[in-house]
Structures are given as structure tokens and as C-alpha cells.
């Protein structure tokens, strides 16, 4: 697998927030979001054998992110099986462009970025996390069919522009959107609040 970094922290977002975990950031992404807060995935990373990578997983929960981890789908499937055989729980964080996440046999959080994906969610997805920007339109981004399917597992994550004023403005927008529908949840990034990775 081509890995950018491996580090230990806590899950900062979504349904598993606050759980200590080992993060594995894989190289590469098939999208180019202008507000991406993790440009490290753009470097080519280094190659590491799946067995060696499992040995570096200190916590029970292992979160594989990127970039887009499913670009290395076959290696990722092998890694997940090895993790699970070593009593780890694996969660993937993806942009939603993979055809069928049930193939991975693990927890999958999808953050749809492309408007063409808003009305369709592939199978095998446990939760959704939408990045709320200035121009985010929840009525378009989260259609009724998706709200029904993912009741209370849809997070509104404020886009962080690096300023206190900007994040507060986006939190307010998330709050106002959630007030209109009890099936939506206001998200945050615990790791940034704690000042850790």
C-alpha cells in the first residue's frame, strides 16, 4: 500500500467521535476539492507491506483515510482482513465514488463532495458527512431519500477556512440547517478542539 502517514489520535468526527484510534492516511485522490484541508495525500507516499502496516496499529480502532483510500481497493481489502484477524475494527473514510463499499466488510463513512453523487449513495455505507461551505445547499445536497435512509447518521461538518470567524459562521449554518430537520446532526472536529492531529 502507498501510505502518506500513520499516527495515533482520537476520531474527531462522526459516530465514532472521541474513540482513540490509529489513523492511516493513504496517498492519492480522484477529486480536487478547492477547500481540501488535507493536502498531504497529494504526495506519492511510501510503499509498505500490509503485514508491516498492521504491526503499526496501536489501537483497536483503525481509521483508513486519504485522499481516497479506495483507489488502492485490492490492497485495502487485504489490509482490512489482516486487521480484523488481529482483533482490530477498521473504518474507511471515503468520498463516495466507489461502486460498492460492502465489498470491504468494514465500517464506512462517506463524505459526498460531488453534486452528481448527492442523490445516490452506494451500498455498504454506515454514515454520511457533508462539508458545509458558504454555498452549501442542504435541500439539493441531501435529498429526502438520503435523509430517510441515513436518519440521524448524517453529519453537517463545518468547512474550516482557518479563521475563528469562518468556522463560527459555518457552525451557525450547520446549526440552522439541522434545526429544520431532526434527522441531521451538527458536526465538529474534536481533534482540532483538542489541538491534536
N, C-alpha and C. Protein backbone atom coordinates (compact mmCIF):
# COMPACT_ATOMS: atom_id res chain seq x y z
N UNK A 1 0.84 -1.19 0.00
CA UNK A 1 0.00 0.00 0.00
C UNK A 1 0.88 1.24 0.00
N UNK A 2 0.39 2.31 -0.61
CA UNK A 2 1.12 3.58 -0.60
C UNK A 2 0.54 4.48 0.48
N UNK A 3 1.36 4.72 1.50
CA UNK A 3 0.94 5.40 2.72
C UNK A 3 1.64 6.74 2.83
N UNK A 4 0.90 7.76 3.24
CA UNK A 4 1.48 9.07 3.48
C UNK A 4 1.93 9.20 4.93
N UNK A 5 1.07 8.75 5.86
CA UNK A 5 1.43 8.81 7.28
C UNK A 5 0.59 7.84 8.10
N UNK A 6 1.14 7.46 9.23
CA UNK A 6 0.45 6.64 10.24
C UNK A 6 0.63 7.36 11.57
N UNK A 7 -0.49 7.60 12.27
CA UNK A 7 -0.38 8.28 13.55
C UNK A 7 -1.53 7.86 14.46
N UNK A 8 -1.33 8.07 15.76
CA UNK A 8 -2.35 7.73 16.76
C UNK A 8 -3.00 9.01 17.26
N UNK A 9 -4.32 8.97 17.40
CA UNK A 9 -5.07 10.14 17.85
C UNK A 9 -6.42 9.67 18.39
N UNK A 10 -7.43 10.54 18.27
CA UNK A 10 -8.81 10.15 18.54
C UNK A 10 -9.61 10.46 17.29
N UNK A 11 -10.67 9.69 17.05
CA UNK A 11 -11.55 10.01 15.93
C UNK A 11 -12.22 11.34 16.24
N UNK A 12 -12.06 12.31 15.36
CA UNK A 12 -12.54 13.65 15.64
C UNK A 12 -13.91 13.96 15.10
N UNK A 13 -14.47 13.07 14.26
CA UNK A 13 -15.74 13.35 13.59
C UNK A 13 -16.64 12.13 13.57
N UNK A 14 -17.92 12.39 13.37
CA UNK A 14 -18.87 11.32 13.09
C UNK A 14 -19.28 10.48 14.28
N UNK A 15 -19.86 9.33 13.99
CA UNK A 15 -20.45 8.47 15.02
C UNK A 15 -19.43 7.88 15.98
N UNK A 16 -18.17 7.78 15.57
CA UNK A 16 -17.12 7.21 16.43
C UNK A 16 -16.28 8.28 17.12
N UNK A 17 -16.78 9.51 17.18
CA UNK A 17 -16.02 10.62 17.74
C UNK A 17 -15.55 10.31 19.17
N UNK A 18 -14.29 10.66 19.43
CA UNK A 18 -13.73 10.50 20.77
C UNK A 18 -13.04 9.18 21.02
N UNK A 19 -13.17 8.22 20.12
CA UNK A 19 -12.54 6.91 20.32
C UNK A 19 -11.07 6.98 19.91
N UNK A 20 -10.15 6.56 20.79
CA UNK A 20 -8.74 6.50 20.39
C UNK A 20 -8.57 5.58 19.19
N UNK A 21 -7.73 5.96 18.26
CA UNK A 21 -7.56 5.15 17.06
C UNK A 21 -6.21 5.39 16.41
N UNK A 22 -5.86 4.46 15.52
CA UNK A 22 -4.69 4.63 14.67
C UNK A 22 -5.20 5.08 13.30
N UNK A 23 -4.69 6.20 12.83
CA UNK A 23 -5.04 6.71 11.51
C UNK A 23 -3.98 6.28 10.50
N UNK A 24 -4.45 5.83 9.35
CA UNK A 24 -3.57 5.52 8.24
C UNK A 24 -4.03 6.36 7.06
N UNK A 25 -3.20 7.29 6.65
CA UNK A 25 -3.54 8.16 5.52
C UNK A 25 -2.86 7.62 4.26
N UNK A 26 -3.69 7.25 3.28
CA UNK A 26 -3.16 6.71 2.03
C UNK A 26 -2.96 7.82 1.01
N UNK A 27 -2.07 7.56 0.06
CA UNK A 27 -1.75 8.53 -0.99
C UNK A 27 -2.80 8.51 -2.09
N UNK A 28 -3.01 9.66 -2.71
CA UNK A 28 -3.84 9.76 -3.91
C UNK A 28 -5.29 10.12 -3.65
N UNK A 29 -5.86 10.85 -4.60
CA UNK A 29 -7.28 11.19 -4.56
C UNK A 29 -7.77 11.39 -5.99
N UNK A 30 -9.01 11.02 -6.24
CA UNK A 30 -9.59 11.18 -7.58
C UNK A 30 -10.42 12.45 -7.69
N UNK A 31 -10.44 13.28 -6.65
CA UNK A 31 -11.12 14.57 -6.69
C UNK A 31 -10.10 15.68 -6.38
N UNK A 32 -10.50 16.91 -6.62
CA UNK A 32 -9.62 18.05 -6.34
C UNK A 32 -10.46 19.17 -5.72
N UNK A 33 -10.87 18.97 -4.47
CA UNK A 33 -11.71 19.95 -3.78
C UNK A 33 -10.89 21.18 -3.43
N UNK A 34 -11.39 22.35 -3.77
CA UNK A 34 -10.63 23.59 -3.54
C UNK A 34 -10.39 23.85 -2.06
N UNK A 35 -11.28 23.36 -1.19
CA UNK A 35 -11.18 23.62 0.24
C UNK A 35 -10.61 22.44 1.02
N UNK A 36 -10.01 21.48 0.32
CA UNK A 36 -9.46 20.29 0.99
C UNK A 36 -8.54 20.70 2.14
N UNK A 37 -8.79 20.13 3.32
CA UNK A 37 -7.98 20.51 4.49
C UNK A 37 -6.83 19.52 4.74
N UNK A 38 -6.62 18.58 3.81
CA UNK A 38 -5.54 17.62 3.99
C UNK A 38 -4.77 17.41 2.69
N UNK A 39 -3.93 18.37 2.32
CA UNK A 39 -3.19 18.26 1.05
C UNK A 39 -2.08 17.21 1.06
N UNK A 40 -1.77 16.64 2.23
CA UNK A 40 -0.68 15.66 2.30
C UNK A 40 -0.91 14.46 1.39
N UNK A 41 -2.18 14.12 1.14
CA UNK A 41 -2.48 12.95 0.32
C UNK A 41 -1.96 13.08 -1.11
N UNK A 42 -1.61 14.31 -1.51
CA UNK A 42 -1.14 14.54 -2.88
C UNK A 42 0.28 14.03 -3.10
N UNK A 43 1.02 13.83 -2.02
CA UNK A 43 2.36 13.29 -2.24
C UNK A 43 2.25 11.78 -2.47
N UNK A 44 3.24 11.21 -3.12
CA UNK A 44 3.14 9.81 -3.56
C UNK A 44 3.25 8.80 -2.43
N UNK A 45 3.65 9.25 -1.24
CA UNK A 45 3.74 8.35 -0.10
C UNK A 45 4.88 7.34 -0.24
N UNK A 46 4.84 6.35 0.63
CA UNK A 46 5.85 5.29 0.59
C UNK A 46 5.13 3.95 0.60
N UNK A 47 5.76 2.96 0.01
CA UNK A 47 5.16 1.63 -0.08
C UNK A 47 5.46 0.86 1.20
N UNK A 48 4.43 0.21 1.73
CA UNK A 48 4.60 -0.60 2.93
C UNK A 48 3.74 -1.85 2.81
N UNK A 49 4.31 -2.97 3.21
CA UNK A 49 3.62 -4.25 3.18
C UNK A 49 2.48 -4.24 4.21
N UNK A 50 1.35 -4.85 3.86
CA UNK A 50 0.17 -4.85 4.73
C UNK A 50 0.47 -5.46 6.10
N UNK A 51 1.28 -6.50 6.14
CA UNK A 51 1.63 -7.15 7.42
C UNK A 51 2.37 -6.16 8.31
N UNK A 52 3.33 -5.44 7.73
CA UNK A 52 4.08 -4.44 8.50
C UNK A 52 3.17 -3.30 8.95
N UNK A 53 2.24 -2.94 8.10
CA UNK A 53 1.33 -1.84 8.43
C UNK A 53 0.43 -2.22 9.60
N UNK A 54 -0.06 -3.44 9.63
CA UNK A 54 -0.89 -3.90 10.75
C UNK A 54 -0.11 -3.83 12.06
N UNK A 55 1.18 -4.13 12.02
CA UNK A 55 2.01 -4.09 13.23
C UNK A 55 2.10 -2.67 13.80
N UNK A 56 1.87 -1.66 12.96
CA UNK A 56 1.96 -0.27 13.42
C UNK A 56 0.65 0.24 14.00
N UNK A 57 -0.39 -0.60 14.00
CA UNK A 57 -1.70 -0.21 14.51
C UNK A 57 -1.76 -0.44 16.02
N UNK A 58 -1.65 0.63 16.77
CA UNK A 58 -1.59 0.55 18.23
C UNK A 58 -2.97 0.39 18.86
N UNK A 59 -4.00 0.99 18.26
CA UNK A 59 -5.34 0.97 18.85
C UNK A 59 -6.24 -0.05 18.19
N UNK A 60 -7.30 -0.41 18.90
CA UNK A 60 -8.28 -1.36 18.37
C UNK A 60 -8.96 -0.80 17.12
N UNK A 61 -9.34 0.49 17.16
CA UNK A 61 -9.96 1.13 16.00
C UNK A 61 -8.87 1.65 15.07
N UNK A 62 -8.96 1.25 13.80
CA UNK A 62 -8.04 1.71 12.77
C UNK A 62 -8.86 2.45 11.72
N UNK A 63 -8.52 3.71 11.48
CA UNK A 63 -9.24 4.53 10.51
C UNK A 63 -8.34 4.74 9.29
N UNK A 64 -8.84 4.31 8.13
CA UNK A 64 -8.08 4.46 6.88
C UNK A 64 -8.71 5.61 6.11
N UNK A 65 -7.89 6.61 5.81
CA UNK A 65 -8.38 7.82 5.15
C UNK A 65 -7.42 8.20 4.03
N UNK A 66 -7.54 9.38 3.51
CA UNK A 66 -6.69 9.81 2.43
C UNK A 66 -6.67 11.32 2.34
N UNK A 67 -6.74 11.77 1.14
CA UNK A 67 -7.05 11.23 -0.15
C UNK A 67 -8.26 10.31 -0.18
N UNK A 68 -8.18 9.38 -1.11
CA UNK A 68 -9.26 8.42 -1.31
C UNK A 68 -8.71 7.01 -1.20
N UNK A 69 -8.97 6.34 -0.06
CA UNK A 69 -8.38 5.02 0.19
C UNK A 69 -8.81 3.94 -0.80
N UNK A 70 -10.00 4.07 -1.40
CA UNK A 70 -10.47 3.00 -2.29
C UNK A 70 -9.73 2.98 -3.63
N UNK A 71 -8.86 3.96 -3.88
CA UNK A 71 -8.03 3.91 -5.08
C UNK A 71 -7.05 2.74 -5.00
N UNK A 72 -6.82 2.25 -3.78
CA UNK A 72 -5.97 1.08 -3.56
C UNK A 72 -6.85 -0.08 -3.06
N UNK A 73 -7.96 -0.31 -3.74
CA UNK A 73 -9.02 -1.21 -3.25
C UNK A 73 -8.53 -2.62 -2.92
N UNK A 74 -7.81 -3.25 -3.80
CA UNK A 74 -7.41 -4.65 -3.56
C UNK A 74 -6.46 -4.76 -2.37
N UNK A 75 -5.48 -3.87 -2.30
CA UNK A 75 -4.57 -3.87 -1.16
C UNK A 75 -5.31 -3.53 0.13
N UNK A 76 -6.27 -2.60 0.03
CA UNK A 76 -7.06 -2.20 1.19
C UNK A 76 -7.88 -3.37 1.73
N UNK A 77 -8.48 -4.15 0.85
CA UNK A 77 -9.25 -5.33 1.28
C UNK A 77 -8.35 -6.32 2.02
N UNK A 78 -7.15 -6.52 1.50
CA UNK A 78 -6.20 -7.42 2.16
C UNK A 78 -5.82 -6.89 3.55
N UNK A 79 -5.57 -5.59 3.62
CA UNK A 79 -5.20 -4.96 4.88
C UNK A 79 -6.33 -5.09 5.90
N UNK A 80 -7.56 -4.85 5.47
CA UNK A 80 -8.71 -4.95 6.38
C UNK A 80 -8.84 -6.36 6.95
N UNK A 81 -8.69 -7.36 6.11
CA UNK A 81 -8.78 -8.76 6.58
C UNK A 81 -7.70 -9.05 7.61
N UNK A 82 -6.49 -8.57 7.34
CA UNK A 82 -5.38 -8.78 8.29
C UNK A 82 -5.66 -8.07 9.62
N UNK A 83 -6.16 -6.85 9.53
CA UNK A 83 -6.52 -6.11 10.75
C UNK A 83 -7.57 -6.87 11.56
N UNK A 84 -8.62 -7.29 10.89
CA UNK A 84 -9.71 -7.98 11.57
C UNK A 84 -9.25 -9.29 12.20
N UNK A 85 -8.33 -9.98 11.54
CA UNK A 85 -7.81 -11.22 12.12
C UNK A 85 -6.91 -10.95 13.33
N UNK A 86 -6.49 -9.69 13.48
CA UNK A 86 -5.70 -9.27 14.65
C UNK A 86 -6.55 -8.46 15.64
N UNK A 87 -7.88 -8.64 15.57
CA UNK A 87 -8.83 -8.07 16.52
C UNK A 87 -8.96 -6.55 16.43
N UNK A 88 -8.67 -5.98 15.26
CA UNK A 88 -8.89 -4.55 15.05
C UNK A 88 -10.26 -4.33 14.41
N UNK A 89 -10.83 -3.17 14.66
CA UNK A 89 -12.03 -2.71 13.96
C UNK A 89 -11.56 -1.66 12.96
N UNK A 90 -11.96 -1.82 11.71
CA UNK A 90 -11.50 -0.89 10.67
C UNK A 90 -12.64 -0.01 10.19
N UNK A 91 -12.34 1.27 10.02
CA UNK A 91 -13.28 2.23 9.44
C UNK A 91 -12.59 2.92 8.27
N UNK A 92 -13.31 3.04 7.17
CA UNK A 92 -12.80 3.75 5.99
C UNK A 92 -13.50 5.10 5.91
N UNK A 93 -12.74 6.14 5.57
CA UNK A 93 -13.32 7.45 5.27
C UNK A 93 -13.13 7.70 3.78
N UNK A 94 -14.23 7.82 3.05
CA UNK A 94 -14.20 7.89 1.60
C UNK A 94 -15.02 9.06 1.07
N UNK A 95 -14.77 9.41 -0.21
CA UNK A 95 -15.52 10.50 -0.83
C UNK A 95 -16.79 10.03 -1.53
N UNK A 96 -17.07 8.73 -1.50
CA UNK A 96 -18.32 8.22 -2.04
C UNK A 96 -18.29 7.82 -3.50
N UNK A 97 -17.12 7.78 -4.11
CA UNK A 97 -17.04 7.47 -5.53
C UNK A 97 -16.83 5.98 -5.82
N UNK A 98 -16.69 5.15 -4.79
CA UNK A 98 -16.53 3.70 -5.01
C UNK A 98 -17.89 3.08 -5.28
N UNK A 99 -17.93 2.01 -6.08
CA UNK A 99 -19.21 1.45 -6.54
C UNK A 99 -19.98 0.68 -5.48
N UNK A 100 -19.28 -0.05 -4.58
CA UNK A 100 -19.97 -0.90 -3.60
C UNK A 100 -19.08 -1.11 -2.38
N UNK A 101 -19.34 -0.34 -1.34
CA UNK A 101 -18.48 -0.40 -0.14
C UNK A 101 -18.67 -1.67 0.66
N UNK A 102 -19.75 -2.41 0.43
CA UNK A 102 -19.95 -3.65 1.17
C UNK A 102 -18.84 -4.66 0.88
N UNK A 103 -18.13 -4.48 -0.23
CA UNK A 103 -17.00 -5.36 -0.58
C UNK A 103 -15.90 -5.32 0.47
N UNK A 104 -15.81 -4.23 1.22
CA UNK A 104 -14.71 -4.09 2.18
C UNK A 104 -15.00 -4.76 3.52
N UNK A 105 -16.26 -4.98 3.84
CA UNK A 105 -16.61 -5.68 5.08
C UNK A 105 -16.21 -4.94 6.34
N UNK A 106 -16.31 -3.61 6.31
CA UNK A 106 -15.97 -2.82 7.49
C UNK A 106 -16.86 -1.58 7.56
N UNK A 107 -16.64 -0.77 8.57
CA UNK A 107 -17.40 0.47 8.76
C UNK A 107 -16.96 1.49 7.72
N UNK A 108 -17.92 2.13 7.06
CA UNK A 108 -17.58 3.12 6.03
C UNK A 108 -18.32 4.42 6.28
N UNK A 109 -17.56 5.50 6.37
CA UNK A 109 -18.11 6.86 6.45
C UNK A 109 -17.83 7.54 5.12
N UNK A 110 -18.87 8.08 4.50
CA UNK A 110 -18.71 8.74 3.21
C UNK A 110 -19.00 10.22 3.34
N UNK A 111 -18.14 11.02 2.72
CA UNK A 111 -18.32 12.46 2.67
C UNK A 111 -18.51 12.86 1.21
N UNK A 112 -19.77 12.88 0.73
CA UNK A 112 -20.01 13.21 -0.68
C UNK A 112 -19.52 14.62 -1.02
N UNK A 113 -18.74 14.72 -2.07
CA UNK A 113 -18.18 16.01 -2.46
C UNK A 113 -18.71 16.50 -3.80
N UNK A 114 -19.18 15.59 -4.61
CA UNK A 114 -19.57 15.88 -5.98
C UNK A 114 -21.09 15.94 -6.08
N UNK A 115 -21.64 17.02 -6.61
CA UNK A 115 -23.09 17.16 -6.68
C UNK A 115 -23.75 16.04 -7.46
N UNK A 116 -23.03 15.41 -8.37
CA UNK A 116 -23.60 14.29 -9.12
C UNK A 116 -23.87 13.09 -8.22
N UNK A 117 -23.25 13.06 -7.04
CA UNK A 117 -23.40 11.93 -6.12
C UNK A 117 -24.49 12.17 -5.08
N UNK A 118 -25.03 13.35 -4.98
CA UNK A 118 -25.91 13.70 -3.88
C UNK A 118 -27.15 12.80 -3.78
N UNK A 119 -27.73 12.43 -4.90
CA UNK A 119 -28.97 11.64 -4.86
C UNK A 119 -28.71 10.14 -4.78
N UNK A 120 -27.46 9.73 -4.89
CA UNK A 120 -27.13 8.31 -4.88
C UNK A 120 -26.05 8.02 -3.85
N UNK A 121 -26.33 7.04 -3.01
CA UNK A 121 -25.32 6.60 -2.03
C UNK A 121 -25.06 5.12 -2.27
N UNK A 122 -23.81 4.72 -2.55
CA UNK A 122 -23.50 3.32 -2.78
C UNK A 122 -23.83 2.46 -1.57
N UNK A 123 -23.96 1.17 -1.77
CA UNK A 123 -24.27 0.27 -0.66
C UNK A 123 -23.07 0.10 0.26
N UNK A 124 -23.34 -0.30 1.50
CA UNK A 124 -22.29 -0.57 2.46
C UNK A 124 -21.81 0.64 3.23
N UNK A 125 -22.56 1.74 3.18
CA UNK A 125 -22.17 2.99 3.85
C UNK A 125 -22.90 3.09 5.20
N UNK A 126 -22.16 3.40 6.27
CA UNK A 126 -22.73 3.48 7.62
C UNK A 126 -23.18 4.88 7.99
N UNK A 127 -22.45 5.90 7.55
CA UNK A 127 -22.78 7.28 7.90
C UNK A 127 -22.32 8.22 6.80
N UNK A 128 -22.93 9.41 6.78
CA UNK A 128 -22.57 10.44 5.80
C UNK A 128 -22.09 11.68 6.52
N UNK A 129 -21.08 12.33 5.92
CA UNK A 129 -20.57 13.58 6.48
C UNK A 129 -20.46 14.58 5.34
N UNK A 130 -21.29 15.62 5.38
CA UNK A 130 -21.29 16.66 4.35
C UNK A 130 -20.48 17.86 4.82
N UNK A 131 -19.55 18.31 3.99
CA UNK A 131 -18.78 19.51 4.30
C UNK A 131 -19.63 20.72 3.95
N UNK A 132 -19.95 21.53 4.96
CA UNK A 132 -20.81 22.69 4.76
C UNK A 132 -19.95 23.92 4.49
N UNK A 133 -20.08 24.42 3.26
CA UNK A 133 -19.36 25.61 2.82
C UNK A 133 -20.35 26.77 2.70
N UNK A 134 -19.85 27.93 2.31
CA UNK A 134 -20.70 29.11 2.15
C UNK A 134 -21.86 28.84 1.18
N UNK A 135 -21.58 28.10 0.11
CA UNK A 135 -22.61 27.88 -0.92
C UNK A 135 -23.31 26.53 -0.80
N UNK A 136 -23.14 25.84 0.32
CA UNK A 136 -23.78 24.53 0.52
C UNK A 136 -25.29 24.69 0.61
N UNK A 137 -26.01 23.91 -0.19
CA UNK A 137 -27.47 23.93 -0.20
C UNK A 137 -27.96 22.55 0.25
N UNK A 138 -28.41 22.45 1.49
CA UNK A 138 -28.82 21.16 2.06
C UNK A 138 -29.99 20.54 1.32
N UNK A 139 -30.90 21.35 0.79
CA UNK A 139 -32.05 20.81 0.06
C UNK A 139 -31.62 20.06 -1.19
N UNK A 140 -30.56 20.53 -1.83
CA UNK A 140 -30.02 19.88 -3.02
C UNK A 140 -29.09 18.74 -2.63
N UNK A 141 -28.21 19.00 -1.67
CA UNK A 141 -27.17 18.05 -1.31
C UNK A 141 -27.70 16.80 -0.61
N UNK A 142 -28.76 16.95 0.18
CA UNK A 142 -29.26 15.83 0.96
C UNK A 142 -30.74 15.61 0.63
N UNK A 143 -31.03 14.90 -0.46
CA UNK A 143 -32.42 14.69 -0.84
C UNK A 143 -33.17 13.84 0.19
N UNK A 144 -34.48 13.89 0.12
CA UNK A 144 -35.33 13.19 1.08
C UNK A 144 -35.02 11.70 1.16
N UNK A 145 -34.74 11.06 0.04
CA UNK A 145 -34.44 9.62 0.03
C UNK A 145 -33.22 9.31 0.89
N UNK A 146 -32.21 10.18 0.84
CA UNK A 146 -30.99 10.00 1.63
C UNK A 146 -31.28 10.27 3.10
N UNK A 147 -32.07 11.28 3.39
CA UNK A 147 -32.42 11.60 4.78
C UNK A 147 -33.16 10.44 5.45
N UNK A 148 -34.04 9.81 4.71
CA UNK A 148 -34.78 8.66 5.26
C UNK A 148 -33.84 7.49 5.53
N UNK A 149 -32.98 7.22 4.59
CA UNK A 149 -32.08 6.06 4.69
C UNK A 149 -31.06 6.22 5.81
N UNK A 150 -30.58 7.43 6.03
CA UNK A 150 -29.50 7.66 7.00
C UNK A 150 -29.95 8.49 8.20
N UNK A 151 -31.19 8.34 8.59
CA UNK A 151 -31.77 9.07 9.72
C UNK A 151 -30.81 9.13 10.92
N UNK A 152 -30.43 10.33 11.32
CA UNK A 152 -29.53 10.63 12.45
C UNK A 152 -28.11 10.10 12.26
N UNK A 153 -27.77 9.72 11.04
CA UNK A 153 -26.39 9.33 10.70
C UNK A 153 -25.86 10.22 9.59
N UNK A 154 -26.40 11.44 9.53
CA UNK A 154 -25.96 12.45 8.56
C UNK A 154 -25.38 13.62 9.34
N UNK A 155 -24.10 13.85 9.14
CA UNK A 155 -23.38 14.91 9.86
C UNK A 155 -23.18 16.11 8.95
N UNK A 156 -23.37 17.28 9.50
CA UNK A 156 -23.06 18.54 8.83
C UNK A 156 -21.74 19.04 9.40
N UNK A 157 -20.67 18.90 8.64
CA UNK A 157 -19.33 19.25 9.09
C UNK A 157 -18.97 20.64 8.59
N UNK A 158 -18.72 21.60 9.47
CA UNK A 158 -18.38 22.95 9.02
C UNK A 158 -17.03 22.99 8.31
N UNK A 159 -16.99 23.64 7.17
CA UNK A 159 -15.73 23.82 6.44
C UNK A 159 -14.87 24.81 7.23
N UNK A 160 -13.65 24.41 7.49
CA UNK A 160 -12.73 25.23 8.28
C UNK A 160 -11.81 26.01 7.35
N UNK A 161 -11.99 27.33 7.30
CA UNK A 161 -11.14 28.16 6.45
C UNK A 161 -9.90 28.65 7.18
N UNK A 162 -9.71 28.16 8.40
CA UNK A 162 -8.52 28.55 9.17
C UNK A 162 -8.71 29.77 10.04
N UNK A 163 -9.91 30.37 10.00
CA UNK A 163 -10.16 31.53 10.84
C UNK A 163 -11.26 31.22 11.84
N UNK A 164 -11.17 31.83 13.02
CA UNK A 164 -12.18 31.63 14.05
C UNK A 164 -13.54 32.14 13.57
N UNK A 165 -13.54 33.26 12.90
CA UNK A 165 -14.78 33.85 12.39
C UNK A 165 -15.43 32.92 11.35
N UNK A 166 -14.60 32.37 10.47
CA UNK A 166 -15.12 31.49 9.42
C UNK A 166 -15.74 30.21 9.96
N UNK A 167 -15.06 29.58 10.91
CA UNK A 167 -15.59 28.32 11.47
C UNK A 167 -16.86 28.58 12.26
N UNK A 168 -16.92 29.70 12.97
CA UNK A 168 -18.15 30.04 13.71
C UNK A 168 -19.32 30.28 12.76
N UNK A 169 -19.03 30.91 11.64
CA UNK A 169 -20.07 31.17 10.64
C UNK A 169 -20.60 29.85 10.06
N UNK A 170 -19.70 28.91 9.80
CA UNK A 170 -20.12 27.62 9.25
C UNK A 170 -20.84 26.77 10.30
N UNK A 171 -20.40 26.83 11.56
CA UNK A 171 -21.12 26.13 12.64
C UNK A 171 -22.54 26.65 12.74
N UNK A 172 -22.69 27.97 12.64
CA UNK A 172 -24.02 28.57 12.70
C UNK A 172 -24.88 28.07 11.54
N UNK A 173 -24.27 27.98 10.36
CA UNK A 173 -25.01 27.49 9.20
C UNK A 173 -25.42 26.02 9.41
N UNK A 174 -24.52 25.20 9.93
CA UNK A 174 -24.84 23.80 10.23
C UNK A 174 -26.00 23.73 11.22
N UNK A 175 -25.92 24.53 12.26
CA UNK A 175 -26.96 24.58 13.29
C UNK A 175 -28.31 24.95 12.68
N UNK A 176 -28.33 25.97 11.84
CA UNK A 176 -29.58 26.43 11.24
C UNK A 176 -30.18 25.37 10.32
N UNK A 177 -29.33 24.67 9.57
CA UNK A 177 -29.81 23.59 8.69
C UNK A 177 -30.40 22.45 9.53
N UNK A 178 -29.69 22.07 10.60
CA UNK A 178 -30.15 20.96 11.44
C UNK A 178 -31.45 21.30 12.16
N UNK A 179 -31.66 22.57 12.47
CA UNK A 179 -32.89 22.96 13.14
C UNK A 179 -34.12 22.69 12.28
N UNK A 180 -33.92 22.56 10.98
CA UNK A 180 -35.02 22.32 10.05
C UNK A 180 -35.33 20.84 9.87
N UNK A 181 -34.47 19.95 10.39
CA UNK A 181 -34.67 18.51 10.18
C UNK A 181 -33.95 17.73 11.27
N UNK A 182 -34.72 17.05 12.13
CA UNK A 182 -34.15 16.30 13.25
C UNK A 182 -33.28 15.12 12.83
N UNK A 183 -33.31 14.77 11.57
CA UNK A 183 -32.51 13.63 11.10
C UNK A 183 -31.06 14.01 10.83
N UNK A 184 -30.77 15.30 10.87
CA UNK A 184 -29.42 15.80 10.61
C UNK A 184 -28.72 16.12 11.92
N UNK A 185 -27.39 16.01 11.93
CA UNK A 185 -26.61 16.27 13.13
C UNK A 185 -25.53 17.31 12.84
N UNK A 186 -25.31 18.18 13.80
CA UNK A 186 -24.25 19.19 13.68
C UNK A 186 -22.93 18.55 14.07
N UNK A 187 -21.97 18.62 13.17
CA UNK A 187 -20.67 18.01 13.43
C UNK A 187 -19.63 19.02 13.90
N UNK A 188 -18.49 18.50 14.27
CA UNK A 188 -17.35 19.31 14.70
C UNK A 188 -16.11 18.46 14.49
N UNK A 189 -14.96 19.00 14.79
CA UNK A 189 -13.70 18.27 14.65
C UNK A 189 -12.99 18.28 16.01
N UNK A 190 -13.26 17.25 16.78
CA UNK A 190 -12.73 17.17 18.15
C UNK A 190 -11.22 17.29 18.19
N UNK A 191 -10.54 16.69 17.23
CA UNK A 191 -9.07 16.75 17.24
C UNK A 191 -8.56 18.18 17.12
N UNK A 192 -9.28 19.03 16.38
CA UNK A 192 -8.86 20.43 16.28
C UNK A 192 -9.14 21.18 17.58
N UNK A 193 -10.25 20.86 18.22
CA UNK A 193 -10.57 21.48 19.51
C UNK A 193 -9.53 21.10 20.56
N UNK A 194 -9.10 19.83 20.54
CA UNK A 194 -8.10 19.35 21.49
C UNK A 194 -6.68 19.79 21.12
N UNK A 195 -6.50 20.25 19.88
CA UNK A 195 -5.17 20.66 19.43
C UNK A 195 -4.24 19.49 19.16
N UNK A 196 -4.83 18.37 18.69
CA UNK A 196 -4.03 17.20 18.33
C UNK A 196 -4.28 16.88 16.86
N UNK A 197 -3.52 15.96 16.31
CA UNK A 197 -3.71 15.55 14.91
C UNK A 197 -5.00 14.80 14.74
